Amino acid sequence: MVRRLHDKHHLTCLAFAHDDDDLDGARELVRMGLRIVVVPYRPYLGIAKSLYALLARRPLTTAFFGSSRFASELRSRMHATDLAIAFSSSMGAYLLPWPAVPRILHFCELDSDKWRQYAERTRPPMRWIYAREARVLEELERRLAFAMSANLVCTDVEQKLFARRIPGAACTVMRNGVDLDYFSPVGLTPERGLVVFTGVMNYYPNVEGCAWFVREVLPRLRATHPDARLTIVGANPSRAVRSLSAHPHVDVTGRVPDTRVHQRRAAVIIAPLRIGRGIQNKVLEGLAMGVPVVGTSLATQGVGGTPGRDYLVADDPPAMAAAIGRLLSDERERLAQGARGRAFVEQHYDWDRSLDRLDDLIENIVGPRAAGVTDVRAPAD
């Protein structure tokens, strides 16, 4: 998105940097010729602000990402801005004081619904905190949706949920894409029995899904395929994820320079998520690599296509173990499944085609000769 906006408009990107890796990412954008303003993020201040927000009817999410410096950097630029684009509701909150400026909010998914799912899967007192956040954040999402010039989500599923939760507010679907040249089947060297999961590993749905897979699915899979093993690839593994490496057939890598190294070695890529909405980039990337993907209904619900043809879906441990096991047992079917997945994303998830929707939206809002676009973005989950 940033590259597309940079190619077509005068873009300034304003973003938080959580760590040195984020700073490296900002330097890469500078090397690409983008103007980027980076605000260091201090999580301990975010936690303190969130605790204070509990005493008021304010979302913990916006308190956690509240920053006077970020607001100041934005304020110094908004008077010369033709359009502001915010990525996620927590960033969209920064745009509320600027009603005179055309604004687009890319929700991706309704974060309030994710908190609602957290509440359903946890015990008190966290259940109460998550349920409160779902209620309060939905109130903010409703306010944001009606304030913006346009709202974006990633999938038809999200659009239907948006219409139920925020009736009357306009919402457009702009599918995610996948870099088909970067994530490609070139160089695949699958290892017998290797199952791979990729994702940010302090993100609760990823943590919960991997723990469930190791606890419930992997033993069943190994009963029929003794060489089966799992590699969990992704930054910032939580303590719960690191503890999974104590299992003799589980490897936790932490952050890696290039996830494709592990994806190319995978016989099967999994997405065992039981919490979430929107679309899972890990699924799109696996399909683009030409590696068979097995995921839950929740992990694949926004992808489209045909389950059983483009990817495999299984929601309970016996079914997921059986689906992976069939692919590990039948090399011909494993290769055919990978090829079908690649063909599917080539047809439906080319980034250029997806971002045509954004171009049309911007032209409708500010006209074809708009000179400036400001994109206010937070790092993705």
Protein backbone atom coordinates (compact mmCIF):
# COMPACT_ATOMS: atom_id res chain seq x y z
CA MET A 1 0.00 0.00 0.00
CA VAL A 2 2.76 2.42 0.89
CA ARG A 3 4.59 1.70 -2.36
CA ARG A 4 1.43 2.21 -4.41
CA LEU A 5 0.59 5.49 -2.67
CA HIS A 6 4.18 6.68 -3.06
CA ASP A 7 4.11 5.94 -6.79
CA LYS A 8 0.91 7.92 -7.38
CA HIS A 9 0.93 10.70 -4.77
CA HIS A 10 3.10 12.88 -2.54
CA LEU A 11 3.19 10.57 0.47
CA THR A 12 4.35 11.05 4.01
CA CYS A 13 4.25 7.98 6.25
CA LEU A 14 3.93 8.47 10.01
CA ALA A 15 4.52 5.37 12.11
CA PHE A 16 5.48 4.04 15.51
CA ALA A 17 8.73 2.12 15.87
CA HIS A 18 8.66 -0.51 18.60
CA ASP A 19 12.22 -1.78 18.26
CA ASP A 20 15.36 -1.85 16.11
CA ASP A 21 13.67 -4.07 13.54
CA ASP A 22 11.00 -1.41 13.00
CA LEU A 23 13.74 1.20 12.61
CA ASP A 24 15.41 -1.02 10.01
CA GLY A 25 12.08 -1.19 8.19
CA ALA A 26 11.84 2.61 8.24
CA ARG A 27 15.35 2.89 6.77
CA GLU A 28 14.31 0.54 3.98
CA LEU A 29 11.38 2.81 3.16
CA VAL A 30 13.76 5.77 3.06
CA ARG A 31 15.99 3.86 0.64
CA MET A 32 12.90 3.38 -1.53
CA GLY A 33 12.52 7.17 -1.62
CA LEU A 34 9.65 7.52 0.85
CA ARG A 35 9.29 10.28 3.39
CA ILE A 36 8.73 8.65 6.76
CA VAL A 37 8.44 10.09 10.25
CA VAL A 38 9.14 7.56 12.99
CA VAL A 39 7.93 7.99 16.57
CA PRO A 40 9.59 5.69 19.14
CA TYR A 41 7.01 3.65 21.01
CA ARG A 42 7.45 3.13 24.76
CA PRO A 43 5.33 0.15 25.85
CA TYR A 44 5.67 0.85 29.56
CA LEU A 45 3.93 4.20 29.04
CA GLY A 46 1.25 2.45 27.01
CA ILE A 47 0.60 0.00 29.82
CA ALA A 48 0.35 2.80 32.37
CA LYS A 49 -2.08 4.74 30.16
CA SER A 50 -4.16 1.61 29.64
CA LEU A 51 -4.49 1.07 33.38
CA TYR A 52 -5.65 4.66 33.75
CA ALA A 53 -8.16 4.14 30.91
CA LEU A 54 -9.78 1.35 32.94
CA LEU A 55 -11.03 4.02 35.33
CA ALA A 56 -12.78 5.87 32.50
CA ARG A 57 -14.95 4.74 29.60
CA ARG A 58 -12.04 4.74 27.18
CA PRO A 59 -10.68 1.86 25.10
CA LEU A 60 -7.49 0.33 26.40
CA THR A 61 -6.34 0.00 22.80
CA THR A 62 -6.29 3.72 22.04
CA ALA A 63 -4.77 4.49 25.44
CA PHE A 64 -2.03 1.92 24.78
CA PHE A 65 -1.19 3.62 21.47
CA GLY A 66 -1.73 7.15 22.74
CA SER A 67 1.22 9.47 22.13
CA SER A 68 1.38 13.25 22.40
CA ARG A 69 4.43 13.26 20.13
CA PHE A 70 2.62 11.23 17.48
CA ALA A 71 -0.34 13.62 17.66
CA SER A 72 2.02 16.59 17.39
CA GLU A 73 3.79 15.16 14.34
CA LEU A 74 0.42 14.60 12.70
CA ARG A 75 -0.88 18.04 13.63
CA SER A 76 2.11 19.75 11.98
CA ARG A 77 1.22 18.11 8.66
CA MET A 78 -2.56 17.96 8.50
CA HIS A 79 -3.10 21.55 7.34
CA ALA A 80 -1.24 20.78 4.11
CA THR A 81 -2.83 17.37 3.58
CA ASP A 82 -5.40 16.52 0.91
CA LEU A 83 -6.20 13.09 2.33
CA ALA A 84 -5.27 11.09 5.43
CA ILE A 85 -5.34 7.30 5.55
CA ALA A 86 -5.22 5.50 8.88
CA PHE A 87 -4.47 1.81 9.30
CA SER A 88 -6.52 0.30 12.17
CA SER A 89 -8.96 1.90 14.58
CA SER A 90 -6.20 2.78 17.06
CA MET A 91 -4.57 4.99 14.42
CA GLY A 92 -7.92 6.21 13.16
CA ALA A 93 -8.56 7.80 16.54
CA TYR A 94 -5.79 10.28 15.77
CA LEU A 95 -7.83 11.58 12.80
CA LEU A 96 -11.00 12.45 14.72
CA PRO A 97 -9.91 16.07 15.45
CA TRP A 98 -9.63 16.79 11.70
CA PRO A 99 -13.15 16.76 10.22
CA ALA A 100 -12.24 19.18 7.42
CA VAL A 101 -9.67 16.78 5.95
CA PRO A 102 -10.91 13.86 3.83
CA ARG A 103 -10.08 10.65 5.72
CA ILE A 104 -10.02 6.94 4.97
CA LEU A 105 -9.86 4.36 7.73
CA HIS A 106 -8.62 0.90 6.84
CA PHE A 107 -10.14 -1.18 9.62
CA CYS A 108 -8.87 -4.45 8.12
CA GLU A 109 -11.14 -6.10 10.66
CA LEU A 110 -13.22 -4.94 13.61
CA ASP A 111 -10.86 -5.17 16.55
CA SER A 112 -13.79 -5.09 18.96
CA ASP A 113 -14.93 -8.46 17.64
CA LYS A 114 -11.50 -9.91 18.34
CA TRP A 115 -11.69 -8.76 21.96
CA ARG A 116 -15.15 -10.32 22.13
CA GLN A 117 -13.65 -13.63 21.03
CA TYR A 118 -10.89 -13.28 23.64
CA ALA A 119 -13.54 -12.86 26.32
CA GLU A 120 -15.28 -16.04 25.19
CA ARG A 121 -12.09 -18.07 25.57
CA THR A 122 -10.69 -16.77 28.86
CA ARG A 123 -11.63 -16.84 32.52
CA PRO A 124 -12.22 -13.98 34.94
CA PRO A 125 -10.80 -11.46 35.55
CA MET A 126 -9.41 -11.24 31.98
CA ARG A 127 -12.80 -12.23 30.58
CA TRP A 128 -14.32 -9.13 32.17
CA ILE A 129 -11.53 -6.87 30.90
CA TYR A 130 -11.76 -8.25 27.36
CA ALA A 131 -15.55 -7.97 27.33
CA ARG A 132 -15.32 -4.37 28.51
CA GLU A 133 -12.78 -3.58 25.79
CA ALA A 134 -15.06 -5.12 23.15
CA ARG A 135 -17.96 -2.87 24.24
CA VAL A 136 -15.99 0.34 24.58
CA LEU A 137 -13.93 -0.16 21.44
CA GLU A 138 -17.06 -0.89 19.40
CA GLU A 139 -18.43 2.47 20.48
CA LEU A 140 -15.26 4.12 19.16
CA GLU A 141 -15.37 2.09 15.93
CA ARG A 142 -18.94 3.27 15.36
CA ARG A 143 -17.93 6.88 15.90
CA LEU A 144 -14.95 6.52 13.58
CA ALA A 145 -16.94 4.80 10.85
CA PHE A 146 -19.46 7.63 10.59
CA ALA A 147 -16.75 10.31 10.79
CA MET A 148 -14.62 9.00 7.91
CA SER A 149 -15.01 9.75 4.21
CA ALA A 150 -14.63 6.01 3.54
CA ASN A 151 -14.02 2.80 5.47
CA LEU A 152 -12.14 -0.28 4.27
CA VAL A 153 -12.13 -3.91 5.38
CA CYS A 154 -10.30 -6.91 3.93
CA THR A 155 -13.03 -9.47 3.29
CA ASP A 156 -16.70 -9.95 2.52
CA VAL A 157 -17.02 -11.65 5.92
CA GLU A 158 -15.77 -8.48 7.61
CA GLN A 159 -18.09 -6.33 5.53
CA LYS A 160 -21.11 -8.34 6.72
CA LEU A 161 -19.96 -8.09 10.34
CA PHE A 162 -19.38 -4.34 9.87
CA ALA A 163 -22.94 -3.93 8.56
CA ARG A 164 -24.34 -5.76 11.60
CA ARG A 165 -22.27 -3.91 14.17
CA ILE A 166 -22.32 -0.46 12.55
CA PRO A 167 -25.50 -0.31 10.46
CA GLY A 168 -25.75 2.65 8.13
CA ALA A 169 -22.01 3.31 7.77
CA ALA A 170 -20.51 2.80 4.32
CA CYS A 171 -17.84 0.12 4.03
CA THR A 172 -15.78 -1.05 1.06
CA VAL A 173 -13.93 -4.35 0.68
CA MET A 174 -10.31 -4.06 -0.45
CA ARG A 175 -8.72 -7.48 -0.47
CA ASN A 176 -5.22 -8.01 0.79
CA GLY A 177 -2.72 -9.15 -1.79
CA VAL A 178 0.43 -11.19 -1.79
CA ASP A 179 3.72 -10.45 -3.57
CA LEU A 180 3.63 -13.27 -6.09
CA ASP A 181 7.24 -12.76 -7.15
CA TYR A 182 8.62 -12.73 -3.61
CA PHE A 183 6.47 -15.62 -2.34
CA SER A 184 6.84 -18.13 -5.14
CA PRO A 185 7.37 -21.88 -5.56
CA VAL A 186 10.92 -21.33 -6.80
CA GLY A 187 13.47 -23.26 -4.72
CA LEU A 188 11.10 -25.48 -2.75
CA THR A 189 12.96 -28.24 -0.91
CA PRO A 190 10.26 -29.85 1.28
CA GLU A 191 11.45 -32.06 4.13
CA ARG A 192 9.56 -35.21 4.91
CA GLY A 193 7.14 -34.72 7.79
CA LEU A 194 7.90 -31.01 8.35
CA VAL A 195 4.91 -28.84 9.27
CA VAL A 196 5.46 -25.07 9.51
CA PHE A 197 3.54 -22.21 11.13
CA THR A 198 4.48 -18.55 10.59
CA GLY A 199 3.29 -15.47 12.48
CA VAL A 200 4.07 -12.90 15.13
CA MET A 201 4.41 -15.12 18.16
CA ASN A 202 3.30 -12.85 20.97
CA TYR A 203 -0.05 -12.35 19.24
CA TYR A 204 -2.64 -14.20 21.30
CA PRO A 205 -4.53 -15.98 18.46
CA ASN A 206 -1.21 -17.33 17.12
CA VAL A 207 -0.06 -18.39 20.59
CA GLU A 208 -3.35 -20.10 21.40
CA GLY A 209 -3.53 -21.81 18.01
CA CYS A 210 0.01 -23.21 18.19
CA ALA A 211 -0.49 -24.43 21.76
CA TRP A 212 -3.71 -26.17 20.71
CA PHE A 213 -1.97 -27.80 17.73
CA VAL A 214 0.94 -29.09 19.84
CA ARG A 215 -1.35 -30.33 22.58
CA GLU A 216 -4.19 -31.82 20.55
CA VAL A 217 -3.15 -32.36 16.93
CA LEU A 218 0.56 -33.21 16.84
CA PRO A 219 0.28 -36.37 19.01
CA ARG A 220 -2.47 -37.70 16.73
CA LEU A 221 -0.43 -36.87 13.65
CA ARG A 222 2.69 -38.56 14.99
CA ALA A 223 0.71 -41.70 15.81
CA THR A 224 0.39 -42.32 12.07
CA HIS A 225 3.42 -40.33 10.86
CA PRO A 226 6.28 -40.72 13.37
CA ASP A 227 8.49 -38.34 11.38
CA ALA A 228 6.03 -35.44 11.71
CA ARG A 229 7.39 -32.36 13.47
CA LEU A 230 6.47 -28.69 13.79
CA THR A 231 8.54 -25.55 13.27
CA ILE A 232 7.05 -22.30 14.63
CA VAL A 233 8.53 -19.31 12.81
CA GLY A 234 8.03 -15.73 13.94
CA ALA A 235 9.19 -12.79 15.98
CA ASN A 236 8.76 -12.20 19.71
CA PRO A 237 7.75 -15.69 20.88
CA SER A 238 5.94 -15.43 24.19
CA ARG A 239 6.87 -17.52 27.20
CA ALA A 240 4.03 -19.91 26.34
CA VAL A 241 5.39 -20.34 22.81
CA ARG A 242 8.99 -20.79 23.97
CA SER A 243 7.81 -23.50 26.34
CA LEU A 244 6.49 -25.46 23.35
CA SER A 245 10.10 -26.06 22.25
CA ALA A 246 10.42 -28.41 25.23
CA HIS A 247 8.39 -30.82 23.12
CA PRO A 248 10.94 -33.05 21.35
CA HIS A 249 9.29 -32.56 17.97
CA VAL A 250 8.71 -28.80 18.09
CA ASP A 251 11.21 -26.11 17.07
CA VAL A 252 10.66 -22.41 17.86
CA THR A 253 12.89 -20.14 15.76
CA GLY A 254 12.04 -16.63 16.97
CA ARG A 255 12.58 -13.82 14.46
CA VAL A 256 14.22 -14.90 11.20
CA PRO A 257 15.58 -12.70 8.40
CA ASP A 258 13.48 -14.47 5.77
CA THR A 259 10.46 -16.69 6.54
CA ARG A 260 10.65 -18.22 3.07
CA VAL A 261 13.69 -20.26 4.12
CA HIS A 262 11.40 -22.26 6.42
CA GLN A 263 8.35 -22.15 4.16
CA ARG A 264 10.39 -23.70 1.34
CA ARG A 265 11.32 -26.61 3.63
CA ALA A 266 7.73 -27.24 4.68
CA ALA A 267 5.78 -30.24 3.49
CA VAL A 268 2.63 -28.58 4.86
CA ILE A 269 1.91 -25.09 6.17
CA ILE A 270 -0.72 -24.81 8.91
CA ALA A 271 -3.05 -22.10 10.20
CA PRO A 272 -4.69 -23.65 13.31
CA LEU A 273 -6.28 -20.40 14.50
CA ARG A 274 -9.40 -20.56 16.65
CA ILE A 275 -9.66 -16.79 17.25
CA GLY A 276 -9.63 -14.07 14.63
CA ARG A 277 -11.34 -12.32 11.76
CA GLY A 278 -10.21 -10.76 8.51
CA ILE A 279 -7.76 -12.53 6.27
CA GLN A 280 -4.63 -14.38 7.31
CA ASN A 281 -1.58 -13.33 5.32
CA LYS A 282 0.14 -16.51 6.49
CA VAL A 283 -2.43 -18.46 4.47
CA LEU A 284 -1.95 -16.34 1.35
CA GLU A 285 1.83 -16.58 1.61
CA GLY A 286 1.75 -20.36 2.01
CA LEU A 287 -0.54 -20.74 -0.98
CA ALA A 288 1.68 -18.43 -3.05
CA MET A 289 4.71 -20.54 -2.17
CA GLY A 290 2.99 -23.57 -3.67
CA VAL A 291 2.96 -25.38 -0.33
CA PRO A 292 -0.30 -27.09 0.75
CA VAL A 293 -2.11 -25.15 3.49
CA VAL A 294 -4.31 -26.74 6.16
CA GLY A 295 -6.23 -24.30 8.34
CA THR A 296 -9.31 -23.95 10.48
CA SER A 297 -12.54 -22.48 9.16
CA LEU A 298 -11.77 -19.30 11.09
CA ALA A 299 -8.28 -18.95 9.61
CA THR A 300 -9.52 -19.43 6.05
CA GLN A 301 -12.96 -17.80 6.19
CA GLY A 302 -11.90 -14.60 4.45
CA VAL A 303 -9.76 -16.22 1.77
CA GLY A 304 -12.54 -17.24 -0.58
CA GLY A 305 -11.91 -19.99 -3.06
CA THR A 306 -13.04 -23.55 -2.52
CA PRO A 307 -12.05 -25.48 0.62
CA GLY A 308 -10.82 -28.90 -0.35
CA ARG A 309 -9.59 -27.63 -3.69
CA ASP A 310 -7.50 -24.51 -3.02
CA TYR A 311 -6.65 -25.35 0.61
CA LEU A 312 -7.79 -27.84 3.24
CA VAL A 313 -10.00 -27.01 6.22
CA ALA A 314 -10.22 -28.91 9.50
CA ASP A 315 -11.56 -27.67 12.82
CA ASP A 316 -11.12 -30.54 15.28
CA PRO A 317 -7.90 -32.36 16.16
CA PRO A 318 -8.71 -35.71 14.47
CA ALA A 319 -9.75 -33.98 11.24
CA MET A 320 -6.69 -31.72 11.15
CA ALA A 321 -4.31 -34.60 11.88
CA ALA A 322 -6.00 -36.66 9.16
CA ALA A 323 -5.82 -33.84 6.57
CA ILE A 324 -2.12 -33.22 7.20
CA GLY A 325 -1.46 -36.95 7.30
CA ARG A 326 -3.02 -37.49 3.87
CA LEU A 327 -0.71 -34.89 2.36
CA LEU A 328 2.34 -36.37 4.08
CA SER A 329 1.41 -39.83 2.80
CA ASP A 330 0.63 -38.95 -0.82
CA GLU A 331 3.39 -37.00 -2.57
CA ARG A 332 1.42 -36.67 -5.80
CA GLU A 333 -1.59 -35.17 -4.01
CA ARG A 334 0.66 -32.94 -1.91
CA LEU A 335 2.22 -31.45 -5.05
CA ALA A 336 -1.15 -31.10 -6.77
CA GLN A 337 -2.63 -29.36 -3.73
CA GLY A 338 0.26 -26.92 -3.65
CA ALA A 339 -0.15 -26.17 -7.36
CA ARG A 340 -3.89 -25.53 -6.96
CA GLY A 341 -3.21 -23.10 -4.11
CA ARG A 342 -0.66 -21.19 -6.16
CA ALA A 343 -3.04 -20.94 -9.13
CA PHE A 344 -5.77 -19.63 -6.83
CA VAL A 345 -3.73 -16.73 -5.42
CA GLU A 346 -2.38 -15.85 -8.86
CA GLN A 347 -5.96 -15.40 -10.01
CA HIS A 348 -7.38 -13.59 -6.98
CA TYR A 349 -4.65 -12.00 -4.86
CA ASP A 350 -2.41 -9.94 -7.09
CA TRP A 351 -1.59 -6.74 -5.16
CA ASP A 352 -1.91 -4.45 -8.17
CA ARG A 353 -5.43 -5.66 -8.81
CA SER A 354 -6.38 -5.33 -5.14
CA LEU A 355 -5.06 -1.79 -4.88
CA ASP A 356 -7.03 -0.60 -7.89
CA ARG A 357 -9.90 -0.32 -5.40
CA LEU A 358 -7.86 2.13 -3.31
CA ASP A 359 -7.04 4.24 -6.37
CA ASP A 360 -10.73 4.48 -7.27
CA LEU A 361 -11.67 5.39 -3.72
CA ILE A 362 -9.11 8.18 -3.51
CA GLU A 363 -10.18 9.61 -6.86
CA ASN A 364 -13.82 9.60 -5.78
CA ILE A 365 -12.99 11.42 -2.56
CA VAL A 366 -10.46 14.05 -3.61
CA GLY A 367 -10.47 13.99 -7.40
CA PRO A 368 -7.99 12.71 -9.99
CA ARG A 369 -5.40 15.44 -9.46
CA ALA A 370 -5.00 15.22 -5.70
CA ALA A 371 -1.46 16.14 -4.84
CA GLY A 372 -0.95 14.91 -1.30
CA VAL A 373 -1.75 11.81 0.68
CA THR A 374 -0.75 11.16 4.23
CA ASP A 375 -0.76 7.56 5.37
CA VAL A 376 -0.85 7.08 9.13
CA ARG A 377 0.11 3.50 9.87
CA ALA A 378 0.80 1.26 12.82
CA PRO A 379 2.84 -1.92 12.48
CA ALA A 380 0.63 -4.84 11.54
CA ASP A 381 -0.28 -7.63 14.01
